[in-house]
């Protein structure tokens, strides 16, 4: 177990150590730390040996750990206290420091201004900063938003809260209500935007309060890593200063790209601007085939807009293409547009014919990119991949040993808010609480919030075939009509479910994909079921699947069986 960089009370009480009983001094030191309001982590090795990590030989061997500590501290008694990897003393020494009013200064002593500096106040950065502070790390979080070309900016919380998941989901829901109630003519865009921005503002304030409550220093300033331990900060008044940190976490996220075409920056907007736009976009051209493009086009059309999507190649690259084609076929309610166009857009169709049309708003959603050149000096030595993202090990460590990266800028990892939050928390625990568990990036659920939601977990059919071979993959699918569509007499067989399986492994499958209302909730439930090992398949009973649920978290679930689906007309190979 490596020595962490926070204040640690090592309490050794393993049963195979005769001279290591749980002492009065141990409790006394705990009381002293509590009285001094010093945050600390207590590791009791006998309890750790019986924990879920006991299968790890190193953690299960209390004697070996004690010998390592003794060789390091030259003291065999307990407790032993370490601060940022430095041995402070046993109970007698700690109590002496306390009597002499020296303990707090010893704990706070460091050659750096902070134990941890987090550059980026998005979901991952905030999670890492608050988690580190829980374990006594002196932490600072820097957050600064570069205005968009039309001047849009926002508060603490990052992309998801301000210009991503939260406003997108709220407008998506507003669009669904519009479709259900057919009130597109009377819908008020400005009222909706005001409500969305009010909610976002409350979240921004909540994040500031949470940082304050966790004693995390919040700096509304631009940060640039100029050396492995130095961060240059520039505040809104352009005042420049330097702070130092023992550990650095990069969590700066990504920003939308603009295509290199005339007028794109001057006249176009991105999703960064859309959710606070003071006027209804009107006749809109959405350029791009990404999930952001389709989500924006979807809720704008549902809200009564005249929307055109312009793509250069295929929709939803990286997603299952059969499902992408089904989303492409969906059409919103027809509406009339009585406003004149303001922006003339010229282009070419794939067959070479010229395209020329006027639009009131042009939204570019052609992808996102990290902007690490603004926060990272090349001389620091952090390696980037060809796309400009940070190359990291499995524990989020960069090529500079004390610098880490989480979230969208971590090369090859899922670019999702919950993933960044989990990675931030786990990283902080490893750095400051002696934890060893890594973030599991496999089987991460995702949802595309098009009018008919698309939820998925696992490998797409294309990726599964590439990984396991065409002969080892078996696919099952089913069309259905949700109950909520029956009253409104919506179309039959539009909603769809697809299961991608491996023939050679009858106990598992590679992906479940849904296009249906509420896909978000369904795919999350499904992913949790896999994690808890309550979902299993029985191919020998000639069934599509057997859902065998067990009692989990005091919830009783039943067994459901769909017989002979494999031989039905809905199954194909």
Foldseek 3Di string as FASTA:
>chain_A
DADFAAKEWEQEDAPVDPQAHRDPLSVVLVVLCVVVVAFAFYDYLNVQCVDPCVVPPVSVDSVVVLVVVCVVPVDNYDTWIDHGRHTQGHSVSLVVCSVVVNNVVVNPDDPFPWQEEEEAQALLSLLLQLLLLNRRTAYEYEHEFDAALVGFDDAGHDCCLQLRVQLLVLLLVVLLVCQVVVCLVVDDLQVSLVVSVVVSVVVRVVSVVSCVVSNYHYHHWHWADPAQFKIWTQHPVRDIDIGGHQFYEYEHAWDADFDPDPPRRVAAAASSAPSNDNDLQAAEEEEAQALRSQSVQQSSVSSAHNYHYHYDDAHHPQAARVVSVLLVPDDGDDHDGDDDFDDWDWDADPVGHIDIDGGSHYYYRHDIAHPNVRHYDVVNPFDADPRRATEADQLQATPRRRYGYFAPSHPPADRDSVQSSVSSNVSSCVNRVVDDDTRDRAQDKDWRSHNQIKIKTFHHPVVCCVVPNPVQKFKFKDFADDPVCVVVVDDGRSKMWMWIAGNVDQWDGGMIMIGHPPNVVVNVVVSVCVVVVQQTADCVQQFPGWRGGDQDPNDDDDIDTGHNSCVDPRTDD
